[in-house]
Amino acid sequence: ENASPRSLPTISDVARHAGVSPMTV
């Protein structure tokens, strides 16, 4: 119950996942 939540994804995470630049995101 008291475990630290995982960090929220960022624009950089989305860019890496999609294989594009952060500007495109």
PDBML (XML) file of the C-alpha atoms, coordinates in Angstrom:
<?xml version="1.0" encoding="UTF-8" ?>
<PDBx:datablock datablockName="MODEL"
   xmlns:PDBx="http://pdbml.pdb.org/schema/pdbx-v50.xsd"
   xmlns:xsi="http://www.w3.org/2001/XMLSchema-instance"
   xsi:schemaLocation="http://pdbml.pdb.org/schema/pdbx-v50.xsd pdbx-v50.xsd">
   <PDBx:atom_siteCategory>
      <PDBx:atom_site id="1">
         <PDBx:B_iso_or_equiv>0.00</PDBx:B_iso_or_equiv>
         <PDBx:Cartn_x>0.000</PDBx:Cartn_x>
         <PDBx:Cartn_y>0.000</PDBx:Cartn_y>
         <PDBx:Cartn_z>0.000</PDBx:Cartn_z>
         <PDBx:auth_asym_id>A</PDBx:auth_asym_id>
         <PDBx:auth_atom_id>CA</PDBx:auth_atom_id>
         <PDBx:auth_comp_id>GLU</PDBx:auth_comp_id>
         <PDBx:auth_seq_id>1</PDBx:auth_seq_id>
         <PDBx:group_PDB>ATOM</PDBx:group_PDB>
         <PDBx:label_alt_id xsi:nil="true" />
         <PDBx:label_asym_id>A</PDBx:label_asym_id>
         <PDBx:label_atom_id>CA</PDBx:label_atom_id>
         <PDBx:label_comp_id>GLU</PDBx:label_comp_id>
         <PDBx:label_entity_id>1</PDBx:label_entity_id>
         <PDBx:label_seq_id>1</PDBx:label_seq_id>
         <PDBx:occupancy>1.00</PDBx:occupancy>
         <PDBx:pdbx_PDB_model_num>1</PDBx:pdbx_PDB_model_num>
         <PDBx:type_symbol>C</PDBx:type_symbol>
      </PDBx:atom_site>
      <PDBx:atom_site id="2">
         <PDBx:B_iso_or_equiv>0.00</PDBx:B_iso_or_equiv>
         <PDBx:Cartn_x>2.835</PDBx:Cartn_x>
         <PDBx:Cartn_y>2.408</PDBx:Cartn_y>
         <PDBx:Cartn_z>0.828</PDBx:Cartn_z>
         <PDBx:auth_asym_id>A</PDBx:auth_asym_id>
         <PDBx:auth_atom_id>CA</PDBx:auth_atom_id>
         <PDBx:auth_comp_id>ASN</PDBx:auth_comp_id>
         <PDBx:auth_seq_id>2</PDBx:auth_seq_id>
         <PDBx:group_PDB>ATOM</PDBx:group_PDB>
         <PDBx:label_alt_id xsi:nil="true" />
         <PDBx:label_asym_id>A</PDBx:label_asym_id>
         <PDBx:label_atom_id>CA</PDBx:label_atom_id>
         <PDBx:label_comp_id>ASN</PDBx:label_comp_id>
         <PDBx:label_entity_id>1</PDBx:label_entity_id>
         <PDBx:label_seq_id>2</PDBx:label_seq_id>
         <PDBx:occupancy>1.00</PDBx:occupancy>
         <PDBx:pdbx_PDB_model_num>1</PDBx:pdbx_PDB_model_num>
         <PDBx:type_symbol>C</PDBx:type_symbol>
      </PDBx:atom_site>
      <PDBx:atom_site id="3">
         <PDBx:B_iso_or_equiv>0.00</PDBx:B_iso_or_equiv>
         <PDBx:Cartn_x>5.066</PDBx:Cartn_x>
         <PDBx:Cartn_y>1.506</PDBx:Cartn_y>
         <PDBx:Cartn_z>-2.102</PDBx:Cartn_z>
         <PDBx:auth_asym_id>A</PDBx:auth_asym_id>
         <PDBx:auth_atom_id>CA</PDBx:auth_atom_id>
         <PDBx:auth_comp_id>ALA</PDBx:auth_comp_id>
         <PDBx:auth_seq_id>3</PDBx:auth_seq_id>
         <PDBx:group_PDB>ATOM</PDBx:group_PDB>
         <PDBx:label_alt_id xsi:nil="true" />
         <PDBx:label_asym_id>A</PDBx:label_asym_id>
         <PDBx:label_atom_id>CA</PDBx:label_atom_id>
         <PDBx:label_comp_id>ALA</PDBx:label_comp_id>
         <PDBx:label_entity_id>1</PDBx:label_entity_id>
         <PDBx:label_seq_id>3</PDBx:label_seq_id>
         <PDBx:occupancy>1.00</PDBx:occupancy>
         <PDBx:pdbx_PDB_model_num>1</PDBx:pdbx_PDB_model_num>
         <PDBx:type_symbol>C</PDBx:type_symbol>
      </PDBx:atom_site>
      <PDBx:atom_site id="4">
         <PDBx:B_iso_or_equiv>0.00</PDBx:B_iso_or_equiv>
         <PDBx:Cartn_x>6.335</PDBx:Cartn_x>
         <PDBx:Cartn_y>4.454</PDBx:Cartn_y>
         <PDBx:Cartn_z>-4.100</PDBx:Cartn_z>
         <PDBx:auth_asym_id>A</PDBx:auth_asym_id>
         <PDBx:auth_atom_id>CA</PDBx:auth_atom_id>
         <PDBx:auth_comp_id>SER</PDBx:auth_comp_id>
         <PDBx:auth_seq_id>4</PDBx:auth_seq_id>
         <PDBx:group_PDB>ATOM</PDBx:group_PDB>
         <PDBx:label_alt_id xsi:nil="true" />
         <PDBx:label_asym_id>A</PDBx:label_asym_id>
         <PDBx:label_atom_id>CA</PDBx:label_atom_id>
         <PDBx:label_comp_id>SER</PDBx:label_comp_id>
         <PDBx:label_entity_id>1</PDBx:label_entity_id>
         <PDBx:label_seq_id>4</PDBx:label_seq_id>
         <PDBx:occupancy>1.00</PDBx:occupancy>
         <PDBx:pdbx_PDB_model_num>1</PDBx:pdbx_PDB_model_num>
         <PDBx:type_symbol>C</PDBx:type_symbol>
      </PDBx:atom_site>
      <PDBx:atom_site id="5">
         <PDBx:B_iso_or_equiv>0.00</PDBx:B_iso_or_equiv>
         <PDBx:Cartn_x>4.345</PDBx:Cartn_x>
         <PDBx:Cartn_y>4.960</PDBx:Cartn_y>
         <PDBx:Cartn_z>-7.310</PDBx:Cartn_z>
         <PDBx:auth_asym_id>A</PDBx:auth_asym_id>
         <PDBx:auth_atom_id>CA</PDBx:auth_atom_id>
         <PDBx:auth_comp_id>PRO</PDBx:auth_comp_id>
         <PDBx:auth_seq_id>5</PDBx:auth_seq_id>
         <PDBx:group_PDB>ATOM</PDBx:group_PDB>
         <PDBx:label_alt_id xsi:nil="true" />
         <PDBx:label_asym_id>A</PDBx:label_asym_id>
         <PDBx:label_atom_id>CA</PDBx:label_atom_id>
         <PDBx:label_comp_id>PRO</PDBx:label_comp_id>
         <PDBx:label_entity_id>1</PDBx:label_entity_id>
         <PDBx:label_seq_id>5</PDBx:label_seq_id>
         <PDBx:occupancy>1.00</PDBx:occupancy>
         <PDBx:pdbx_PDB_model_num>1</PDBx:pdbx_PDB_model_num>
         <PDBx:type_symbol>C</PDBx:type_symbol>
      </PDBx:atom_site>
      <PDBx:atom_site id="6">
         <PDBx:B_iso_or_equiv>0.00</PDBx:B_iso_or_equiv>
         <PDBx:Cartn_x>6.255</PDBx:Cartn_x>
         <PDBx:Cartn_y>4.570</PDBx:Cartn_y>
         <PDBx:Cartn_z>-10.532</PDBx:Cartn_z>
         <PDBx:auth_asym_id>A</PDBx:auth_asym_id>
         <PDBx:auth_atom_id>CA</PDBx:auth_atom_id>
         <PDBx:auth_comp_id>ARG</PDBx:auth_comp_id>
         <PDBx:auth_seq_id>6</PDBx:auth_seq_id>
         <PDBx:group_PDB>ATOM</PDBx:group_PDB>
         <PDBx:label_alt_id xsi:nil="true" />
         <PDBx:label_asym_id>A</PDBx:label_asym_id>
         <PDBx:label_atom_id>CA</PDBx:label_atom_id>
         <PDBx:label_comp_id>ARG</PDBx:label_comp_id>
         <PDBx:label_entity_id>1</PDBx:label_entity_id>
         <PDBx:label_seq_id>6</PDBx:label_seq_id>
         <PDBx:occupancy>1.00</PDBx:occupancy>
         <PDBx:pdbx_PDB_model_num>1</PDBx:pdbx_PDB_model_num>
         <PDBx:type_symbol>C</PDBx:type_symbol>
      </PDBx:atom_site>
      <PDBx:atom_site id="7">
         <PDBx:B_iso_or_equiv>0.00</PDBx:B_iso_or_equiv>
         <PDBx:Cartn_x>7.185</PDBx:Cartn_x>
         <PDBx:Cartn_y>7.834</PDBx:Cartn_y>
         <PDBx:Cartn_z>-12.185</PDBx:Cartn_z>
         <PDBx:auth_asym_id>A</PDBx:auth_asym_id>
         <PDBx:auth_atom_id>CA</PDBx:auth_atom_id>
         <PDBx:auth_comp_id>SER</PDBx:auth_comp_id>
         <PDBx:auth_seq_id>7</PDBx:auth_seq_id>
         <PDBx:group_PDB>ATOM</PDBx:group_PDB>
         <PDBx:label_alt_id xsi:nil="true" />
         <PDBx:label_asym_id>A</PDBx:label_asym_id>
         <PDBx:label_atom_id>CA</PDBx:label_atom_id>
         <PDBx:label_comp_id>SER</PDBx:label_comp_id>
         <PDBx:label_entity_id>1</PDBx:label_entity_id>
         <PDBx:label_seq_id>7</PDBx:label_seq_id>
         <PDBx:occupancy>1.00</PDBx:occupancy>
         <PDBx:pdbx_PDB_model_num>1</PDBx:pdbx_PDB_model_num>
         <PDBx:type_symbol>C</PDBx:type_symbol>
      </PDBx:atom_site>
      <PDBx:atom_site id="8">
         <PDBx:B_iso_or_equiv>0.00</PDBx:B_iso_or_equiv>
         <PDBx:Cartn_x>4.821</PDBx:Cartn_x>
         <PDBx:Cartn_y>9.164</PDBx:Cartn_y>
         <PDBx:Cartn_z>-14.832</PDBx:Cartn_z>
         <PDBx:auth_asym_id>A</PDBx:auth_asym_id>
         <PDBx:auth_atom_id>CA</PDBx:auth_atom_id>
         <PDBx:auth_comp_id>LEU</PDBx:auth_comp_id>
         <PDBx:auth_seq_id>8</PDBx:auth_seq_id>
         <PDBx:group_PDB>ATOM</PDBx:group_PDB>
         <PDBx:label_alt_id xsi:nil="true" />
         <PDBx:label_asym_id>A</PDBx:label_asym_id>
         <PDBx:label_atom_id>CA</PDBx:label_atom_id>
         <PDBx:label_comp_id>LEU</PDBx:label_comp_id>
         <PDBx:label_entity_id>1</PDBx:label_entity_id>
         <PDBx:label_seq_id>8</PDBx:label_seq_id>
         <PDBx:occupancy>1.00</PDBx:occupancy>
         <PDBx:pdbx_PDB_model_num>1</PDBx:pdbx_PDB_model_num>
         <PDBx:type_symbol>C</PDBx:type_symbol>
      </PDBx:atom_site>
      <PDBx:atom_site id="9">
         <PDBx:B_iso_or_equiv>0.00</PDBx:B_iso_or_equiv>
         <PDBx:Cartn_x>5.944</PDBx:Cartn_x>
         <PDBx:Cartn_y>8.856</PDBx:Cartn_y>
         <PDBx:Cartn_z>-18.464</PDBx:Cartn_z>
         <PDBx:auth_asym_id>A</PDBx:auth_asym_id>
         <PDBx:auth_atom_id>CA</PDBx:auth_atom_id>
         <PDBx:auth_comp_id>PRO</PDBx:auth_comp_id>
         <PDBx:auth_seq_id>9</PDBx:auth_seq_id>
         <PDBx:group_PDB>ATOM</PDBx:group_PDB>
         <PDBx:label_alt_id xsi:nil="true" />
         <PDBx:label_asym_id>A</PDBx:label_asym_id>
         <PDBx:label_atom_id>CA</PDBx:label_atom_id>
         <PDBx:label_comp_id>PRO</PDBx:label_comp_id>
         <PDBx:label_entity_id>1</PDBx:label_entity_id>
         <PDBx:label_seq_id>9</PDBx:label_seq_id>
         <PDBx:occupancy>1.00</PDBx:occupancy>
         <PDBx:pdbx_PDB_model_num>1</PDBx:pdbx_PDB_model_num>
         <PDBx:type_symbol>C</PDBx:type_symbol>
      </PDBx:atom_site>
      <PDBx:atom_site id="10">
         <PDBx:B_iso_or_equiv>0.00</PDBx:B_iso_or_equiv>
         <PDBx:Cartn_x>7.371</PDBx:Cartn_x>
         <PDBx:Cartn_y>11.995</PDBx:Cartn_y>
         <PDBx:Cartn_z>-20.053</PDBx:Cartn_z>
         <PDBx:auth_asym_id>A</PDBx:auth_asym_id>
         <PDBx:auth_atom_id>CA</PDBx:auth_atom_id>
         <PDBx:auth_comp_id>THR</PDBx:auth_comp_id>
         <PDBx:auth_seq_id>10</PDBx:auth_seq_id>
         <PDBx:group_PDB>ATOM</PDBx:group_PDB>
         <PDBx:label_alt_id xsi:nil="true" />
         <PDBx:label_asym_id>A</PDBx:label_asym_id>
         <PDBx:label_atom_id>CA</PDBx:label_atom_id>
         <PDBx:label_comp_id>THR</PDBx:label_comp_id>
         <PDBx:label_entity_id>1</PDBx:label_entity_id>
         <PDBx:label_seq_id>10</PDBx:label_seq_id>
         <PDBx:occupancy>1.00</PDBx:occupancy>
         <PDBx:pdbx_PDB_model_num>1</PDBx:pdbx_PDB_model_num>
         <PDBx:type_symbol>C</PDBx:type_symbol>
      </PDBx:atom_site>
      <PDBx:atom_site id="11">
         <PDBx:B_iso_or_equiv>0.00</PDBx:B_iso_or_equiv>
         <PDBx:Cartn_x>7.409</PDBx:Cartn_x>
         <PDBx:Cartn_y>13.352</PDBx:Cartn_y>
         <PDBx:Cartn_z>-23.593</PDBx:Cartn_z>
         <PDBx:auth_asym_id>A</PDBx:auth_asym_id>
         <PDBx:auth_atom_id>CA</PDBx:auth_atom_id>
         <PDBx:auth_comp_id>ILE</PDBx:auth_comp_id>
         <PDBx:auth_seq_id>11</PDBx:auth_seq_id>
         <PDBx:group_PDB>ATOM</PDBx:group_PDB>
         <PDBx:label_alt_id xsi:nil="true" />
         <PDBx:label_asym_id>A</PDBx:label_asym_id>
         <PDBx:label_atom_id>CA</PDBx:label_atom_id>
         <PDBx:label_comp_id>ILE</PDBx:label_comp_id>
         <PDBx:label_entity_id>1</PDBx:label_entity_id>
         <PDBx:label_seq_id>11</PDBx:label_seq_id>
         <PDBx:occupancy>1.00</PDBx:occupancy>
         <PDBx:pdbx_PDB_model_num>1</PDBx:pdbx_PDB_model_num>
         <PDBx:type_symbol>C</PDBx:type_symbol>
      </PDBx:atom_site>
      <PDBx:atom_site id="12">
         <PDBx:B_iso_or_equiv>0.00</PDBx:B_iso_or_equiv>
         <PDBx:Cartn_x>10.941</PDBx:Cartn_x>
         <PDBx:Cartn_y>11.930</PDBx:Cartn_y>
         <PDBx:Cartn_z>-23.927</PDBx:Cartn_z>
         <PDBx:auth_asym_id>A</PDBx:auth_asym_id>
         <PDBx:auth_atom_id>CA</PDBx:auth_atom_id>
         <PDBx:auth_comp_id>SER</PDBx:auth_comp_id>
         <PDBx:auth_seq_id>12</PDBx:auth_seq_id>
         <PDBx:group_PDB>ATOM</PDBx:group_PDB>
         <PDBx:label_alt_id xsi:nil="true" />
         <PDBx:label_asym_id>A</PDBx:label_asym_id>
         <PDBx:label_atom_id>CA</PDBx:label_atom_id>
         <PDBx:label_comp_id>SER</PDBx:label_comp_id>
         <PDBx:label_entity_id>1</PDBx:label_entity_id>
         <PDBx:label_seq_id>12</PDBx:label_seq_id>
         <PDBx:occupancy>1.00</PDBx:occupancy>
         <PDBx:pdbx_PDB_model_num>1</PDBx:pdbx_PDB_model_num>
         <PDBx:type_symbol>C</PDBx:type_symbol>
      </PDBx:atom_site>
      <PDBx:atom_site id="13">
         <PDBx:B_iso_or_equiv>0.00</PDBx:B_iso_or_equiv>
         <PDBx:Cartn_x>9.626</PDBx:Cartn_x>
         <PDBx:Cartn_y>8.466</PDBx:Cartn_y>
         <PDBx:Cartn_z>-22.964</PDBx:Cartn_z>
         <PDBx:auth_asym_id>A</PDBx:auth_asym_id>
         <PDBx:auth_atom_id>CA</PDBx:auth_atom_id>
         <PDBx:auth_comp_id>ASP</PDBx:auth_comp_id>
         <PDBx:auth_seq_id>13</PDBx:auth_seq_id>
         <PDBx:group_PDB>ATOM</PDBx:group_PDB>
         <PDBx:label_alt_id xsi:nil="true" />
         <PDBx:label_asym_id>A</PDBx:label_asym_id>
         <PDBx:label_atom_id>CA</PDBx:label_atom_id>
         <PDBx:label_comp_id>ASP</PDBx:label_comp_id>
         <PDBx:label_entity_id>1</PDBx:label_entity_id>
         <PDBx:label_seq_id>13</PDBx:label_seq_id>
         <PDBx:occupancy>1.00</PDBx:occupancy>
         <PDBx:pdbx_PDB_model_num>1</PDBx:pdbx_PDB_model_num>
         <PDBx:type_symbol>C</PDBx:type_symbol>
      </PDBx:atom_site>
      <PDBx:atom_site id="14">
         <PDBx:B_iso_or_equiv>0.00</PDBx:B_iso_or_equiv>
         <PDBx:Cartn_x>6.923</PDBx:Cartn_x>
         <PDBx:Cartn_y>8.730</PDBx:Cartn_y>
         <PDBx:Cartn_z>-25.613</PDBx:Cartn_z>
         <PDBx:auth_asym_id>A</PDBx:auth_asym_id>
         <PDBx:auth_atom_id>CA</PDBx:auth_atom_id>
         <PDBx:auth_comp_id>VAL</PDBx:auth_comp_id>
         <PDBx:auth_seq_id>14</PDBx:auth_seq_id>
         <PDBx:group_PDB>ATOM</PDBx:group_PDB>
         <PDBx:label_alt_id xsi:nil="true" />
         <PDBx:label_asym_id>A</PDBx:label_asym_id>
         <PDBx:label_atom_id>CA</PDBx:label_atom_id>
         <PDBx:label_comp_id>VAL</PDBx:label_comp_id>
         <PDBx:label_entity_id>1</PDBx:label_entity_id>
         <PDBx:label_seq_id>14</PDBx:label_seq_id>
         <PDBx:occupancy>1.00</PDBx:occupancy>
         <PDBx:pdbx_PDB_model_num>1</PDBx:pdbx_PDB_model_num>
         <PDBx:type_symbol>C</PDBx:type_symbol>
      </PDBx:atom_site>
      <PDBx:atom_site id="15">
         <PDBx:B_iso_or_equiv>0.00</PDBx:B_iso_or_equiv>
         <PDBx:Cartn_x>9.482</PDBx:Cartn_x>
         <PDBx:Cartn_y>9.880</PDBx:Cartn_y>
         <PDBx:Cartn_z>-28.197</PDBx:Cartn_z>
         <PDBx:auth_asym_id>A</PDBx:auth_asym_id>
         <PDBx:auth_atom_id>CA</PDBx:auth_atom_id>
         <PDBx:auth_comp_id>ALA</PDBx:auth_comp_id>
         <PDBx:auth_seq_id>15</PDBx:auth_seq_id>
         <PDBx:group_PDB>ATOM</PDBx:group_PDB>
         <PDBx:label_alt_id xsi:nil="true" />
         <PDBx:label_asym_id>A</PDBx:label_asym_id>
         <PDBx:label_atom_id>CA</PDBx:label_atom_id>
         <PDBx:label_comp_id>ALA</PDBx:label_comp_id>
         <PDBx:label_entity_id>1</PDBx:label_entity_id>
         <PDBx:label_seq_id>15</PDBx:label_seq_id>
         <PDBx:occupancy>1.00</PDBx:occupancy>
         <PDBx:pdbx_PDB_model_num>1</PDBx:pdbx_PDB_model_num>
         <PDBx:type_symbol>C</PDBx:type_symbol>
      </PDBx:atom_site>
      <PDBx:atom_site id="16">
         <PDBx:B_iso_or_equiv>0.00</PDBx:B_iso_or_equiv>
         <PDBx:Cartn_x>11.776</PDBx:Cartn_x>
         <PDBx:Cartn_y>6.916</PDBx:Cartn_y>
         <PDBx:Cartn_z>-27.452</PDBx:Cartn_z>
         <PDBx:auth_asym_id>A</PDBx:auth_asym_id>
         <PDBx:auth_atom_id>CA</PDBx:auth_atom_id>
         <PDBx:auth_comp_id>ARG</PDBx:auth_comp_id>
         <PDBx:auth_seq_id>16</PDBx:auth_seq_id>
         <PDBx:group_PDB>ATOM</PDBx:group_PDB>
         <PDBx:label_alt_id xsi:nil="true" />
         <PDBx:label_asym_id>A</PDBx:label_asym_id>
         <PDBx:label_atom_id>CA</PDBx:label_atom_id>
         <PDBx:label_comp_id>ARG</PDBx:label_comp_id>
         <PDBx:label_entity_id>1</PDBx:label_entity_id>
         <PDBx:label_seq_id>16</PDBx:label_seq_id>
         <PDBx:occupancy>1.00</PDBx:occupancy>
         <PDBx:pdbx_PDB_model_num>1</PDBx:pdbx_PDB_model_num>
         <PDBx:type_symbol>C</PDBx:type_symbol>
      </PDBx:atom_site>
      <PDBx:atom_site id="17">
         <PDBx:B_iso_or_equiv>0.00</PDBx:B_iso_or_equiv>
         <PDBx:Cartn_x>8.861</PDBx:Cartn_x>
         <PDBx:Cartn_y>4.477</PDBx:Cartn_y>
         <PDBx:Cartn_z>-27.581</PDBx:Cartn_z>
         <PDBx:auth_asym_id>A</PDBx:auth_asym_id>
         <PDBx:auth_atom_id>CA</PDBx:auth_atom_id>
         <PDBx:auth_comp_id>HIS</PDBx:auth_comp_id>
         <PDBx:auth_seq_id>17</PDBx:auth_seq_id>
         <PDBx:group_PDB>ATOM</PDBx:group_PDB>
         <PDBx:label_alt_id xsi:nil="true" />
         <PDBx:label_asym_id>A</PDBx:label_asym_id>
         <PDBx:label_atom_id>CA</PDBx:label_atom_id>
         <PDBx:label_comp_id>HIS</PDBx:label_comp_id>
         <PDBx:label_entity_id>1</PDBx:label_entity_id>
         <PDBx:label_seq_id>17</PDBx:label_seq_id>
         <PDBx:occupancy>1.00</PDBx:occupancy>
         <PDBx:pdbx_PDB_model_num>1</PDBx:pdbx_PDB_model_num>
         <PDBx:type_symbol>C</PDBx:type_symbol>
      </PDBx:atom_site>
      <PDBx:atom_site id="18">
         <PDBx:B_iso_or_equiv>0.00</PDBx:B_iso_or_equiv>
         <PDBx:Cartn_x>7.647</PDBx:Cartn_x>
         <PDBx:Cartn_y>5.859</PDBx:Cartn_y>
         <PDBx:Cartn_z>-30.926</PDBx:Cartn_z>
         <PDBx:auth_asym_id>A</PDBx:auth_asym_id>
         <PDBx:auth_atom_id>CA</PDBx:auth_atom_id>
         <PDBx:auth_comp_id>ALA</PDBx:auth_comp_id>
         <PDBx:auth_seq_id>18</PDBx:auth_seq_id>
         <PDBx:group_PDB>ATOM</PDBx:group_PDB>
         <PDBx:label_alt_id xsi:nil="true" />
         <PDBx:label_asym_id>A</PDBx:label_asym_id>
         <PDBx:label_atom_id>CA</PDBx:label_atom_id>
         <PDBx:label_comp_id>ALA</PDBx:label_comp_id>
         <PDBx:label_entity_id>1</PDBx:label_entity_id>
         <PDBx:label_seq_id>18</PDBx:label_seq_id>
         <PDBx:occupancy>1.00</PDBx:occupancy>
         <PDBx:pdbx_PDB_model_num>1</PDBx:pdbx_PDB_model_num>
         <PDBx:type_symbol>C</PDBx:type_symbol>
      </PDBx:atom_site>
      <PDBx:atom_site id="19">
         <PDBx:B_iso_or_equiv>0.00</PDBx:B_iso_or_equiv>
         <PDBx:Cartn_x>11.129</PDBx:Cartn_x>
         <PDBx:Cartn_y>6.295</PDBx:Cartn_y>
         <PDBx:Cartn_z>-32.383</PDBx:Cartn_z>
         <PDBx:auth_asym_id>A</PDBx:auth_asym_id>
         <PDBx:auth_atom_id>CA</PDBx:auth_atom_id>
         <PDBx:auth_comp_id>GLY</PDBx:auth_comp_id>
         <PDBx:auth_seq_id>19</PDBx:auth_seq_id>
         <PDBx:group_PDB>ATOM</PDBx:group_PDB>
         <PDBx:label_alt_id xsi:nil="true" />
         <PDBx:label_asym_id>A</PDBx:label_asym_id>
         <PDBx:label_atom_id>CA</PDBx:label_atom_id>
         <PDBx:label_comp_id>GLY</PDBx:label_comp_id>
         <PDBx:label_entity_id>1</PDBx:label_entity_id>
         <PDBx:label_seq_id>19</PDBx:label_seq_id>
         <PDBx:occupancy>1.00</PDBx:occupancy>
         <PDBx:pdbx_PDB_model_num>1</PDBx:pdbx_PDB_model_num>
         <PDBx:type_symbol>C</PDBx:type_symbol>
      </PDBx:atom_site>
      <PDBx:atom_site id="20">
         <PDBx:B_iso_or_equiv>0.00</PDBx:B_iso_or_equiv>
         <PDBx:Cartn_x>10.642</PDBx:Cartn_x>
         <PDBx:Cartn_y>9.993</PDBx:Cartn_y>
         <PDBx:Cartn_z>-33.085</PDBx:Cartn_z>
         <PDBx:auth_asym_id>A</PDBx:auth_asym_id>
         <PDBx:auth_atom_id>CA</PDBx:auth_atom_id>
         <PDBx:auth_comp_id>VAL</PDBx:auth_comp_id>
         <PDBx:auth_seq_id>20</PDBx:auth_seq_id>
         <PDBx:group_PDB>ATOM</PDBx:group_PDB>
         <PDBx:label_alt_id xsi:nil="true" />
         <PDBx:label_asym_id>A</PDBx:label_asym_id>
         <PDBx:label_atom_id>CA</PDBx:label_atom_id>
         <PDBx:label_comp_id>VAL</PDBx:label_comp_id>
         <PDBx:label_entity_id>1</PDBx:label_entity_id>
         <PDBx:label_seq_id>20</PDBx:label_seq_id>
         <PDBx:occupancy>1.00</PDBx:occupancy>
         <PDBx:pdbx_PDB_model_num>1</PDBx:pdbx_PDB_model_num>
         <PDBx:type_symbol>C</PDBx:type_symbol>
      </PDBx:atom_site>
      <PDBx:atom_site id="21">
         <PDBx:B_iso_or_equiv>0.00</PDBx:B_iso_or_equiv>
         <PDBx:Cartn_x>11.948</PDBx:Cartn_x>
         <PDBx:Cartn_y>13.263</PDBx:Cartn_y>
         <PDBx:Cartn_z>-31.691</PDBx:Cartn_z>
         <PDBx:auth_asym_id>A</PDBx:auth_asym_id>
         <PDBx:auth_atom_id>CA</PDBx:auth_atom_id>
         <PDBx:auth_comp_id>SER</PDBx:auth_comp_id>
         <PDBx:auth_seq_id>21</PDBx:auth_seq_id>
         <PDBx:group_PDB>ATOM</PDBx:group_PDB>
         <PDBx:label_alt_id xsi:nil="true" />
         <PDBx:label_asym_id>A</PDBx:label_asym_id>
         <PDBx:label_atom_id>CA</PDBx:label_atom_id>
         <PDBx:label_comp_id>SER</PDBx:label_comp_id>
         <PDBx:label_entity_id>1</PDBx:label_entity_id>
         <PDBx:label_seq_id>21</PDBx:label_seq_id>
         <PDBx:occupancy>1.00</PDBx:occupancy>
         <PDBx:pdbx_PDB_model_num>1</PDBx:pdbx_PDB_model_num>
         <PDBx:type_symbol>C</PDBx:type_symbol>
      </PDBx:atom_site>
      <PDBx:atom_site id="22">
         <PDBx:B_iso_or_equiv>0.00</PDBx:B_iso_or_equiv>
         <PDBx:Cartn_x>10.402</PDBx:Cartn_x>
         <PDBx:Cartn_y>14.978</PDBx:Cartn_y>
         <PDBx:Cartn_z>-28.625</PDBx:Cartn_z>
         <PDBx:auth_asym_id>A</PDBx:auth_asym_id>
         <PDBx:auth_atom_id>CA</PDBx:auth_atom_id>
         <PDBx:auth_comp_id>PRO</PDBx:auth_comp_id>
         <PDBx:auth_seq_id>22</PDBx:auth_seq_id>
         <PDBx:group_PDB>ATOM</PDBx:group_PDB>
         <PDBx:label_alt_id xsi:nil="true" />
         <PDBx:label_asym_id>A</PDBx:label_asym_id>
         <PDBx:label_atom_id>CA</PDBx:label_atom_id>
         <PDBx:label_comp_id>PRO</PDBx:label_comp_id>
         <PDBx:label_entity_id>1</PDBx:label_entity_id>
         <PDBx:label_seq_id>22</PDBx:label_seq_id>
         <PDBx:occupancy>1.00</PDBx:occupancy>
         <PDBx:pdbx_PDB_model_num>1</PDBx:pdbx_PDB_model_num>
         <PDBx:type_symbol>C</PDBx:type_symbol>
      </PDBx:atom_site>
      <PDBx:atom_site id="23">
         <PDBx:B_iso_or_equiv>0.00</PDBx:B_iso_or_equiv>
         <PDBx:Cartn_x>9.535</PDBx:Cartn_x>
         <PDBx:Cartn_y>17.913</PDBx:Cartn_y>
         <PDBx:Cartn_z>-30.930</PDBx:Cartn_z>
         <PDBx:auth_asym_id>A</PDBx:auth_asym_id>
         <PDBx:auth_atom_id>CA</PDBx:auth_atom_id>
         <PDBx:auth_comp_id>MET</PDBx:auth_comp_id>
         <PDBx:auth_seq_id>23</PDBx:auth_seq_id>
         <PDBx:group_PDB>ATOM</PDBx:group_PDB>
         <PDBx:label_alt_id xsi:nil="true" />
         <PDBx:label_asym_id>A</PDBx:label_asym_id>
         <PDBx:label_atom_id>CA</PDBx:label_atom_id>
         <PDBx:label_comp_id>MET</PDBx:label_comp_id>
         <PDBx:label_entity_id>1</PDBx:label_entity_id>
         <PDBx:label_seq_id>23</PDBx:label_seq_id>
         <PDBx:occupancy>1.00</PDBx:occupancy>
         <PDBx:pdbx_PDB_model_num>1</PDBx:pdbx_PDB_model_num>
         <PDBx:type_symbol>C</PDBx:type_symbol>
      </PDBx:atom_site>
      <PDBx:atom_site id="24">
         <PDBx:B_iso_or_equiv>0.00</PDBx:B_iso_or_equiv>
         <PDBx:Cartn_x>7.413</PDBx:Cartn_x>
         <PDBx:Cartn_y>15.611</PDBx:Cartn_y>
         <PDBx:Cartn_z>-33.088</PDBx:Cartn_z>
         <PDBx:auth_asym_id>A</PDBx:auth_asym_id>
         <PDBx:auth_atom_id>CA</PDBx:auth_atom_id>
         <PDBx:auth_comp_id>THR</PDBx:auth_comp_id>
         <PDBx:auth_seq_id>24</PDBx:auth_seq_id>
         <PDBx:group_PDB>ATOM</PDBx:group_PDB>
         <PDBx:label_alt_id xsi:nil="true" />
         <PDBx:label_asym_id>A</PDBx:label_asym_id>
         <PDBx:label_atom_id>CA</PDBx:label_atom_id>
         <PDBx:label_comp_id>THR</PDBx:label_comp_id>
         <PDBx:label_entity_id>1</PDBx:label_entity_id>
         <PDBx:label_seq_id>24</PDBx:label_seq_id>
         <PDBx:occupancy>1.00</PDBx:occupancy>
         <PDBx:pdbx_PDB_model_num>1</PDBx:pdbx_PDB_model_num>
         <PDBx:type_symbol>C</PDBx:type_symbol>
      </PDBx:atom_site>
      <PDBx:atom_site id="25">
         <PDBx:B_iso_or_equiv>0.00</PDBx:B_iso_or_equiv>
         <PDBx:Cartn_x>5.571</PDBx:Cartn_x>
         <PDBx:Cartn_y>14.365</PDBx:Cartn_y>
         <PDBx:Cartn_z>-29.984</PDBx:Cartn_z>
         <PDBx:auth_asym_id>A</PDBx:auth_asym_id>
         <PDBx:auth_atom_id>CA</PDBx:auth_atom_id>
         <PDBx:auth_comp_id>VAL</PDBx:auth_comp_id>
         <PDBx:auth_seq_id>25</PDBx:auth_seq_id>
         <PDBx:group_PDB>ATOM</PDBx:group_PDB>
         <PDBx:label_alt_id xsi:nil="true" />
         <PDBx:label_asym_id>A</PDBx:label_asym_id>
         <PDBx:label_atom_id>CA</PDBx:label_atom_id>
         <PDBx:label_comp_id>VAL</PDBx:label_comp_id>
         <PDBx:label_entity_id>1</PDBx:label_entity_id>
         <PDBx:label_seq_id>25</PDBx:label_seq_id>
         <PDBx:occupancy>1.00</PDBx:occupancy>
         <PDBx:pdbx_PDB_model_num>1</PDBx:pdbx_PDB_model_num>
         <PDBx:type_symbol>C</PDBx:type_symbol>
      </PDBx:atom_site>
   </PDBx:atom_siteCategory>
</PDBx:datablock>
